[in-house]
C-alpha atoms as a PDB file:
ATOM      1  CA  PRO A   1      98.051 146.000 190.021  1.00  0.00           C
ATOM      2  CA  TYR A   2      97.489 144.289 186.681  1.00  0.00           C
ATOM      3  CA  TRP A   3      99.436 145.831 183.728  1.00  0.00           C
ATOM      4  CA  GLU A   4     100.531 144.722 180.412  1.00  0.00           C
ATOM      5  CA  VAL A   5     103.157 145.648 177.727  1.00  0.00           C
ATOM      6  CA  GLN A   6     103.037 144.164 174.199  1.00  0.00           C
ATOM      7  CA  PHE A   7     105.664 144.401 171.425  1.00  0.00           C
ATOM      8  CA  SER A   8     105.191 143.643 167.748  1.00  0.00           C
ATOM      9  CA  ARG A   9     107.768 141.761 165.618  1.00  0.00           C
ATOM     10  CA  GLN A  10     109.067 145.140 164.276  1.00  0.00           C
ATOM     11  CA  THR A  11     109.999 146.571 167.743  1.00  0.00           C
ATOM     12  CA  PRO A  12     113.777 147.109 167.932  1.00  0.00           C
ATOM     13  CA  MET A  13     115.245 144.460 170.198  1.00  0.00           C
ATOM     14  CA  GLU A  14     117.210 147.007 172.167  1.00  0.00           C
ATOM     15  CA  ALA A  15     113.964 148.789 173.196  1.00  0.00           C
ATOM     16  CA  VAL A  16     112.429 145.398 174.185  1.00  0.00           C
ATOM     17  CA  ALA A  17     115.514 144.611 176.168  1.00  0.00           C
ATOM     18  CA  ALA A  18     115.383 147.912 177.886  1.00  0.00           C
ATOM     19  CA  VAL A  19     111.964 146.984 179.262  1.00  0.00           C
ATOM     20  CA  THR A  20     112.664 143.337 180.080  1.00  0.00           C
ATOM     21  CA  GLN A  21     116.014 144.038 181.831  1.00  0.00           C
ATOM     22  CA  ALA A  22     114.395 146.699 184.044  1.00  0.00           C
ATOM     23  CA  LEU A  23     111.709 144.284 185.387  1.00  0.00           C
ATOM     24  CA  PRO A  24     113.771 142.670 188.180  1.00  0.00           C
ATOM     25  CA  GLN A  25     114.510 146.103 189.645  1.00  0.00           C
ATOM     26  CA  LEU A  26     110.886 146.968 189.701  1.00  0.00           C
ATOM     27  CA  LEU A  27     110.279 143.741 191.583  1.00  0.00           C
ATOM     28  CA  GLY A  28     112.962 144.635 194.139  1.00  0.00           C
ATOM     29  CA  ASP A  29     115.978 142.809 192.751  1.00  0.00           C
ATOM     30  CA  HIS A  30     118.767 145.454 192.614  1.00  0.00           C
ATOM     31  CA  ARG A  31     121.847 143.147 191.988  1.00  0.00           C
ATOM     32  CA  HIS A  32     122.566 144.448 188.478  1.00  0.00           C
ATOM     33  CA  ALA A  33     121.267 148.030 188.859  1.00  0.00           C
ATOM     34  CA  GLU A  34     124.710 149.535 188.168  1.00  0.00           C
ATOM     35  CA  ARG A  35     124.816 147.736 184.768  1.00  0.00           C
ATOM     36  CA  ILE A  36     121.198 148.155 183.882  1.00  0.00           C
ATOM     37  CA  PRO A  37     119.982 151.491 185.092  1.00  0.00           C
ATOM     38  CA  ILE A  38     116.365 152.629 184.895  1.00  0.00           C
ATOM     39  CA  THR A  39     116.189 155.864 183.213  1.00  0.00           C
ATOM     40  CA  ASP A  40     114.847 158.605 185.470  1.00  0.00           C
ATOM     41  CA  MET A  41     114.937 161.417 182.878  1.00  0.00           C
ATOM     42  CA  PRO A  42     111.461 162.792 181.977  1.00  0.00           C
ATOM     43  CA  LEU A  43     110.263 161.756 178.535  1.00  0.00           C
ATOM     44  CA  ASP A  44     110.293 165.324 177.158  1.00  0.00           C
ATOM     45  CA  GLN A  45     113.969 165.592 178.094  1.00  0.00           C
ATOM     46  CA  ILE A  46     114.764 162.294 176.408  1.00  0.00           C
ATOM     47  CA  ALA A  47     112.839 163.564 173.340  1.00  0.00           C
ATOM     48  CA  ALA A  48     114.764 166.874 173.281  1.00  0.00           C
ATOM     49  CA  LEU A  49     118.184 165.185 173.599  1.00  0.00           C
ATOM     50  CA  ASN A  50     117.338 163.058 170.562  1.00  0.00           C
ATOM     51  CA  ASP A  51     115.701 165.751 168.502  1.00  0.00           C
ATOM     52  CA  TRP A  52     112.218 164.339 168.764  1.00  0.00           C
ATOM     53  CA  THR A  53     109.333 166.848 168.730  1.00  0.00           C
ATOM     54  CA  VAL A  54     107.169 167.140 171.815  1.00  0.00           C
ATOM     55  CA  GLY A  55     103.539 167.877 171.202  1.00  0.00           C
ATOM     56  CA  ASP A  56     100.206 167.451 172.975  1.00  0.00           C
ATOM     57  CA  GLY A  57     100.562 163.879 174.082  1.00  0.00           C
ATOM     58  CA  VAL A  58     102.737 162.880 171.138  1.00  0.00           C
ATOM     59  CA  LEU A  59     106.525 162.554 170.903  1.00  0.00           C
ATOM     60  CA  ALA A  60     107.570 162.368 167.180  1.00  0.00           C
ATOM     61  CA  SER A  61     110.852 161.331 165.705  1.00  0.00           C
ATOM     62  CA  PRO A  62     112.844 163.868 163.643  1.00  0.00           C
ATOM     63  CA  ASP A  63     111.618 162.273 160.406  1.00  0.00           C
ATOM     64  CA  TRP A  64     108.052 161.992 161.766  1.00  0.00           C
ATOM     65  CA  TYR A  65     108.024 158.236 160.927  1.00  0.00           C
ATOM     66  CA  CYS A  66     107.817 157.118 164.585  1.00  0.00           C
ATOM     67  CA  GLN A  67     105.656 158.372 167.424  1.00  0.00           C
ATOM     68  CA  LEU A  68     105.102 157.727 171.090  1.00  0.00           C
ATOM     69  CA  ILE A  69     101.456 158.597 171.815  1.00  0.00           C
ATOM     70  CA  HIS A  70     100.128 159.105 175.310  1.00  0.00           C
ATOM     71  CA  THR A  71      96.401 158.767 175.996  1.00  0.00           C
ATOM     72  CA  PRO A  72      96.174 158.618 179.769  1.00  0.00           C
ATOM     73  CA  ASP A  73      92.393 158.254 179.948  1.00  0.00           C
ATOM     74  CA  GLU A  74      92.424 155.041 177.785  1.00  0.00           C
ATOM     75  CA  GLU A  75      93.315 151.541 178.970  1.00  0.00           C
ATOM     76  CA  VAL A  76      96.239 151.472 176.530  1.00  0.00           C
ATOM     77  CA  ALA A  77      97.950 154.684 177.841  1.00  0.00           C
ATOM     78  CA  TRP A  78     101.118 154.521 175.644  1.00  0.00           C
ATOM     79  CA  ARG A  79     101.405 153.481 172.088  1.00  0.00           C
ATOM     80  CA  ALA A  80     104.530 153.492 169.919  1.00  0.00           C
ATOM     81  CA  GLU A  81     103.798 153.586 166.205  1.00  0.00           C
ATOM     82  CA  HIS A  82     105.779 153.724 162.963  1.00  0.00           C
ATOM     83  CA  VAL A  83     104.283 154.724 159.613  1.00  0.00           C
ATOM     84  CA  PHE A  84     105.403 151.565 157.939  1.00  0.00           C
ATOM     85  CA  TYR A  85     103.416 149.432 160.350  1.00  0.00           C
ATOM     86  CA  GLU A  86     100.253 151.606 160.558  1.00  0.00           C
ATOM     87  CA  LYS A  87      98.015 148.545 161.222  1.00  0.00           C
ATOM     88  CA  GLN A  88      99.919 147.392 164.249  1.00  0.00           C
ATOM     89  CA  PRO A  89     101.729 149.520 166.875  1.00  0.00           C
ATOM     90  CA  LEU A  90     105.399 148.728 167.719  1.00  0.00           C
ATOM     91  CA  ALA A  91     104.451 148.568 171.418  1.00  0.00           C
ATOM     92  CA  THR A  92     101.593 149.254 173.718  1.00  0.00           C
ATOM     93  CA  PHE A  93     101.622 149.949 177.470  1.00  0.00           C
ATOM     94  CA  THR A  94      98.553 149.815 179.657  1.00  0.00           C
ATOM     95  CA  ARG A  95      97.740 152.614 182.113  1.00  0.00           C
ATOM     96  CA  GLU A  96      99.197 150.939 185.178  1.00  0.00           C
ATOM     97  CA  VAL A  97     102.603 150.092 183.579  1.00  0.00           C
ATOM     98  CA  PRO A  98     105.382 151.710 185.746  1.00  0.00           C
ATOM     99  CA  GLU A  99     106.654 154.857 183.985  1.00  0.00           C
ATOM    100  CA  GLY A 100     110.211 153.696 184.381  1.00  0.00           C
ATOM    101  CA  LEU A 101     109.505 150.992 181.735  1.00  0.00           C
ATOM    102  CA  VAL A 102     108.065 153.482 179.387  1.00  0.00           C
ATOM    103  CA  ARG A 103     111.085 155.797 179.900  1.00  0.00           C
ATOM    104  CA  ASN A 104     113.524 152.992 179.335  1.00  0.00           C
ATOM    105  CA  PHE A 105     111.750 151.885 176.290  1.00  0.00           C
ATOM    106  CA  PHE A 106     111.576 155.366 174.839  1.00  0.00           C
ATOM    107  CA  ALA A 107     115.264 156.086 175.651  1.00  0.00           C
ATOM    108  CA  HIS A 108     116.206 153.166 173.454  1.00  0.00           C
ATOM    109  CA  LEU A 109     113.617 153.765 170.771  1.00  0.00           C
ATOM    110  CA  ALA A 110     114.627 157.480 170.350  1.00  0.00           C
ATOM    111  CA  THR A 111     118.440 157.202 170.443  1.00  0.00           C
ATOM    112  CA  PRO A 112     120.092 157.814 166.992  1.00  0.00           C
ATOM    113  CA  THR A 113     123.004 155.579 167.871  1.00  0.00           C
ATOM    114  CA  ALA A 114     123.709 152.946 165.187  1.00  0.00           C
ATOM    115  CA  VAL A 115     123.310 149.320 166.182  1.00  0.00           C
ATOM    116  CA  HIS A 116     124.840 146.141 164.821  1.00  0.00           C
ATOM    117  CA  ARG A 117     122.531 143.663 163.102  1.00  0.00           C
ATOM    118  CA  ALA A 118     122.879 140.636 160.935  1.00  0.00           C
ATOM    119  CA  PHE A 119     121.548 141.730 157.490  1.00  0.00           C
ATOM    120  CA  ALA A 120     118.791 139.226 157.879  1.00  0.00           C
ATOM    121  CA  ASP A 121     117.655 140.955 160.973  1.00  0.00           C
ATOM    122  CA  VAL A 122     117.384 144.407 159.328  1.00  0.00           C
ATOM    123  CA  PRO A 123     113.685 145.158 158.690  1.00  0.00           C
ATOM    124  CA  LEU A 124     112.609 145.200 155.094  1.00  0.00           C
ATOM    125  CA  SER A 125     111.411 148.777 155.455  1.00  0.00           C
ATOM    126  CA  THR A 126     114.921 149.823 156.497  1.00  0.00           C
ATOM    127  CA  ARG A 127     116.634 147.908 153.756  1.00  0.00           C
ATOM    128  CA  TYR A 128     114.652 149.605 151.057  1.00  0.00           C
ATOM    129  CA  GLU A 129     114.009 153.010 152.637  1.00  0.00           C
ATOM    130  CA  HIS A 130     116.467 155.510 151.288  1.00  0.00           C
ATOM    131  CA  GLY A 131     116.760 157.550 154.462  1.00  0.00           C
ATOM    132  CA  HIS A 132     118.954 154.826 156.239  1.00  0.00           C
ATOM    133  CA  LEU A 133     122.550 153.887 155.950  1.00  0.00           C
ATOM    134  CA  ILE A 134     123.412 150.230 156.092  1.00  0.00           C
ATOM    135  CA  THR A 135     127.135 149.570 156.307  1.00  0.00           C
ATOM    136  CA  PRO A 136     128.441 146.070 155.914  1.00  0.00           C
ATOM    137  CA  ALA A 137     130.656 144.941 158.766  1.00  0.00           C
ATOM    138  CA  ARG A 138     132.778 142.095 157.460  1.00  0.00           C
ATOM    139  CA  ALA A 139     134.317 139.660 159.885  1.00  0.00           C
ATOM    140  CA  ALA A 140     132.707 141.548 162.793  1.00  0.00           C
ATOM    141  CA  ALA A 141     130.991 139.403 165.436  1.00  0.00           C
ATOM    142  CA  ILE A 142     127.699 140.490 166.730  1.00  0.00           C
ATOM    143  CA  SER A 143     127.620 140.171 170.497  1.00  0.00           C
ATOM    144  CA  PRO A 144     124.726 138.045 171.652  1.00  0.00           C
ATOM    145  CA  ARG A 145     124.788 139.847 175.021  1.00  0.00           C
ATOM    146  CA  ILE A 146     122.496 142.785 175.312  1.00  0.00           C
ATOM    147  CA  ASP A 147     123.013 145.338 178.070  1.00  0.00           C
ATOM    148  CA  HIS A 148     121.594 148.824 178.426  1.00  0.00           C
ATOM    149  CA  THR A 149     123.521 151.583 176.827  1.00  0.00           C
ATOM    150  CA  PRO A 150     124.121 154.581 179.036  1.00  0.00           C
ATOM    151  CA  ALA A 151     121.188 156.933 179.684  1.00  0.00           C
ATOM    152  CA  PRO A 152     120.925 159.564 176.912  1.00  0.00           C
ATOM    153  CA  SER A 153     122.327 162.231 179.091  1.00  0.00           C
ATOM    154  CA  ASP A 154     125.520 160.269 179.642  1.00  0.00           C
ATOM    155  CA  ARG A 155     126.431 159.988 175.979  1.00  0.00           C
ATOM    156  CA  PRO A 156     129.411 162.051 174.972  1.00  0.00           C
ATOM    157  CA  GLY A 157     128.893 164.624 172.243  1.00  0.00           C
ATOM    158  CA  ARG A 158     125.154 164.901 172.684  1.00  0.00           C
ATOM    159  CA  ARG A 159     123.407 168.173 173.561  1.00  0.00           C
ATOM    160  CA  ARG A 160     122.425 168.527 177.209  1.00  0.00           C
END
């Protein structure tokens, strides 16, 4: 079946990688499945683990700035939005997209785990928004390799 996923420039690269790295498994290539698992946890459980609010077709971040909206009767069945980019969604998934891709995307979008970025790669909205903490990391190399982090339920210290 034909399906489509689109990302905007503002989509976090970890969430994009979570989708693109899962694609080979969906096509039958399981050579790296132990390093790049497809999240099988339901979306509402991922949301609860990361303190997101679950509503009628909407998963909202704790600060309500980001939402994953589910409209199953429309061609674009999943839409990730952020208040700073109200004219363009972070990501869209058409109706036929395998739910494993949506789960992987959301698991990485919802996690509160800090990520390393070069300062130039930090979005302007994050640089000047007072709700975020940017800590300089001097002499720290940023790894160009992107692997999936463990599924949300595997992170130590998180509620289960």
